[in-house]
Amino acid sequence: MSKKASEEARMLGELLETAESLSTYGVMSKTDLAHVRTLCHEPPAYTPDRVIEIRTTKARMSQAVFASFLNVSVSTVQKWESPTAGKRPSGAAAKLLQLVEMKGIEALIT
């Protein structure tokens, strides 16, 4: 693990610990704590089959509409869904996929 990644992991751990303490004392709601937990944990790896599953069953959208919701190009979604392209969602896109997978496309609409 690089020094930067180690520092980021430490800060996220401290943020999560602080949020849990605030929740224990009633300063932070359970819903807000759940949001902080989601933000502090790395999103899972998204395989082509998993991206297809999220798009077709959770979002029920075409590649073009789904790409628009995620603010990426249609070709990016196509590459994510292609086993031979070798491109996988990361960063903000992976977080958005995680939200859609957990809460449905409605999480991006509100």
C-alpha atoms as a PDB file:
ATOM      1  CA  MET A   1       0.000   0.000   0.000  1.00  0.00           C
ATOM      2  CA  SER A   2       1.395   3.406  -0.961  1.00  0.00           C
ATOM      3  CA  LYS A   3       1.893   6.145   1.600  1.00  0.00           C
ATOM      4  CA  LYS A   4      -0.970   8.165   0.102  1.00  0.00           C
ATOM      5  CA  ALA A   5      -3.353   5.195   0.137  1.00  0.00           C
ATOM      6  CA  SER A   6      -2.363   4.398   3.717  1.00  0.00           C
ATOM      7  CA  GLU A   7      -3.020   7.996   4.774  1.00  0.00           C
ATOM      8  CA  GLU A   8      -6.412   8.006   3.027  1.00  0.00           C
ATOM      9  CA  ALA A   9      -7.395   4.733   4.702  1.00  0.00           C
ATOM     10  CA  ARG A  10      -6.390   6.150   8.093  1.00  0.00           C
ATOM     11  CA  MET A  11      -8.429   9.329   7.561  1.00  0.00           C
ATOM     12  CA  LEU A  12     -11.491   7.403   6.403  1.00  0.00           C
ATOM     13  CA  GLY A  13     -11.198   5.151   9.446  1.00  0.00           C
ATOM     14  CA  GLU A  14     -11.048   8.167  11.727  1.00  0.00           C
ATOM     15  CA  LEU A  15     -14.016   9.762   9.979  1.00  0.00           C
ATOM     16  CA  LEU A  16     -16.049   6.593  10.399  1.00  0.00           C
ATOM     17  CA  GLU A  17     -15.055   6.308  14.068  1.00  0.00           C
ATOM     18  CA  THR A  18     -16.116   9.926  14.676  1.00  0.00           C
ATOM     19  CA  ALA A  19     -19.461   9.373  12.913  1.00  0.00           C
ATOM     20  CA  GLU A  20     -20.117   6.250  14.994  1.00  0.00           C
ATOM     21  CA  SER A  21     -19.390   8.203  18.190  1.00  0.00           C
ATOM     22  CA  LEU A  22     -21.709  11.019  17.095  1.00  0.00           C
ATOM     23  CA  SER A  23     -24.428   8.470  16.408  1.00  0.00           C
ATOM     24  CA  THR A  24     -23.913   6.849  19.812  1.00  0.00           C
ATOM     25  CA  TYR A  25     -24.489  10.217  21.482  1.00  0.00           C
ATOM     26  CA  GLY A  26     -27.542  10.939  19.346  1.00  0.00           C
ATOM     27  CA  VAL A  27     -25.925  13.789  17.422  1.00  0.00           C
ATOM     28  CA  MET A  28     -25.990  11.913  14.106  1.00  0.00           C
ATOM     29  CA  SER A  29     -28.975   9.917  12.869  1.00  0.00           C
ATOM     30  CA  LYS A  30     -28.711   6.239  11.962  1.00  0.00           C
ATOM     31  CA  THR A  31     -29.495   7.172   8.351  1.00  0.00           C
ATOM     32  CA  ASP A  32     -26.642   9.666   8.229  1.00  0.00           C
ATOM     33  CA  LEU A  33     -24.321   7.105   9.822  1.00  0.00           C
ATOM     34  CA  ALA A  34     -25.273   4.611   7.118  1.00  0.00           C
ATOM     35  CA  HIS A  35     -24.414   7.214   4.463  1.00  0.00           C
ATOM     36  CA  VAL A  36     -21.026   7.876   6.068  1.00  0.00           C
ATOM     37  CA  ARG A  37     -20.321   4.133   6.218  1.00  0.00           C
ATOM     38  CA  THR A  38     -21.125   3.812   2.523  1.00  0.00           C
ATOM     39  CA  LEU A  39     -18.831   6.699   1.653  1.00  0.00           C
ATOM     40  CA  CYS A  40     -15.957   5.460   3.825  1.00  0.00           C
ATOM     41  CA  HIS A  41     -15.815   1.925   2.457  1.00  0.00           C
ATOM     42  CA  GLU A  42     -14.206   1.124  -0.871  1.00  0.00           C
ATOM     43  CA  PRO A  43     -16.762   0.175  -3.488  1.00  0.00           C
ATOM     44  CA  PRO A  44     -16.596  -3.450  -4.590  1.00  0.00           C
ATOM     45  CA  ALA A  45     -15.010  -4.538  -7.854  1.00  0.00           C
ATOM     46  CA  TYR A  46     -17.507  -4.434 -10.686  1.00  0.00           C
ATOM     47  CA  THR A  47     -17.247  -7.228 -13.231  1.00  0.00           C
ATOM     48  CA  PRO A  48     -18.942  -6.935 -16.625  1.00  0.00           C
ATOM     49  CA  ASP A  49     -21.713  -9.300 -15.507  1.00  0.00           C
ATOM     50  CA  ARG A  50     -22.296  -7.280 -12.344  1.00  0.00           C
ATOM     51  CA  VAL A  51     -22.548  -3.994 -14.283  1.00  0.00           C
ATOM     52  CA  ILE A  52     -25.024  -5.589 -16.702  1.00  0.00           C
ATOM     53  CA  GLU A  53     -27.048  -6.938 -13.772  1.00  0.00           C
ATOM     54  CA  ILE A  54     -27.223  -3.518 -12.099  1.00  0.00           C
ATOM     55  CA  ARG A  55     -28.175  -1.765 -15.332  1.00  0.00           C
ATOM     56  CA  THR A  56     -30.814  -4.277 -16.441  1.00  0.00           C
ATOM     57  CA  THR A  57     -32.409  -5.321 -13.152  1.00  0.00           C
ATOM     58  CA  LYS A  58     -31.848  -2.453 -10.705  1.00  0.00           C
ATOM     59  CA  ALA A  59     -31.949   0.506 -13.091  1.00  0.00           C
ATOM     60  CA  ARG A  60     -33.904  -1.136 -15.957  1.00  0.00           C
ATOM     61  CA  MET A  61     -32.271   1.162 -18.483  1.00  0.00           C
ATOM     62  CA  SER A  62     -30.609   1.048 -21.846  1.00  0.00           C
ATOM     63  CA  GLN A  63     -26.874   1.624 -21.974  1.00  0.00           C
ATOM     64  CA  ALA A  64     -27.450   5.157 -23.285  1.00  0.00           C
ATOM     65  CA  VAL A  65     -29.836   6.208 -20.518  1.00  0.00           C
ATOM     66  CA  PHE A  66     -27.711   4.530 -17.833  1.00  0.00           C
ATOM     67  CA  ALA A  67     -24.600   6.299 -19.128  1.00  0.00           C
ATOM     68  CA  SER A  68     -26.424   9.600 -18.936  1.00  0.00           C
ATOM     69  CA  PHE A  69     -27.420   8.980 -15.307  1.00  0.00           C
ATOM     70  CA  LEU A  70     -23.808   8.143 -14.407  1.00  0.00           C
ATOM     71  CA  ASN A  71     -22.459  11.061 -16.457  1.00  0.00           C
ATOM     72  CA  VAL A  72     -20.232   8.822 -18.560  1.00  0.00           C
ATOM     73  CA  SER A  73     -20.217   8.042 -22.270  1.00  0.00           C
ATOM     74  CA  VAL A  74     -22.153   5.152 -23.778  1.00  0.00           C
ATOM     75  CA  SER A  75     -18.848   3.667 -24.941  1.00  0.00           C
ATOM     76  CA  THR A  76     -17.642   3.652 -21.329  1.00  0.00           C
ATOM     77  CA  VAL A  77     -20.664   1.610 -20.236  1.00  0.00           C
ATOM     78  CA  GLN A  78     -20.134  -0.687 -23.218  1.00  0.00           C
ATOM     79  CA  LYS A  79     -16.498  -1.218 -22.213  1.00  0.00           C
ATOM     80  CA  TRP A  80     -17.483  -1.914 -18.588  1.00  0.00           C
ATOM     81  CA  GLU A  81     -19.907  -4.569 -19.830  1.00  0.00           C
ATOM     82  CA  SER A  82     -17.430  -6.157 -22.228  1.00  0.00           C
ATOM     83  CA  PRO A  83     -15.370  -9.001 -20.754  1.00  0.00           C
ATOM     84  CA  THR A  84     -12.616  -8.404 -23.305  1.00  0.00           C
ATOM     85  CA  ALA A  85     -12.284  -4.608 -22.952  1.00  0.00           C
ATOM     86  CA  GLY A  86     -10.507  -4.775 -19.604  1.00  0.00           C
ATOM     87  CA  LYS A  87     -12.056  -1.484 -18.427  1.00  0.00           C
ATOM     88  CA  ARG A  88     -13.723  -1.470 -15.013  1.00  0.00           C
ATOM     89  CA  PRO A  89     -15.602   1.257 -13.121  1.00  0.00           C
ATOM     90  CA  SER A  90     -13.539   3.057 -10.498  1.00  0.00           C
ATOM     91  CA  GLY A  91     -13.672   6.177  -8.365  1.00  0.00           C
ATOM     92  CA  ALA A  92     -16.896   8.157  -8.518  1.00  0.00           C
ATOM     93  CA  ALA A  93     -18.434   5.835 -11.114  1.00  0.00           C
ATOM     94  CA  ALA A  94     -17.911   2.815  -8.849  1.00  0.00           C
ATOM     95  CA  LYS A  95     -19.494   4.711  -5.938  1.00  0.00           C
ATOM     96  CA  LEU A  96     -22.511   5.583  -8.089  1.00  0.00           C
ATOM     97  CA  LEU A  97     -22.854   1.946  -9.157  1.00  0.00           C
ATOM     98  CA  GLN A  98     -22.653   0.949  -5.501  1.00  0.00           C
ATOM     99  CA  LEU A  99     -25.479   3.349  -4.652  1.00  0.00           C
ATOM    100  CA  VAL A 100     -27.651   2.085  -7.512  1.00  0.00           C
ATOM    101  CA  GLU A 101     -26.946  -1.513  -6.524  1.00  0.00           C
ATOM    102  CA  MET A 102     -27.847  -0.883  -2.887  1.00  0.00           C
ATOM    103  CA  LYS A 103     -30.730   1.604  -3.185  1.00  0.00           C
ATOM    104  CA  GLY A 104     -31.876   1.524  -6.790  1.00  0.00           C
ATOM    105  CA  ILE A 105     -31.715   4.220  -9.439  1.00  0.00           C
ATOM    106  CA  GLU A 106     -33.900   6.429  -7.244  1.00  0.00           C
ATOM    107  CA  ALA A 107     -30.780   7.191  -5.182  1.00  0.00           C
ATOM    108  CA  LEU A 108     -29.437   9.201  -8.140  1.00  0.00           C
ATOM    109  CA  ILE A 109     -32.691  10.982  -8.882  1.00  0.00           C
ATOM    110  CA  THR A 110     -33.208  12.703  -5.536  1.00  0.00           C
END
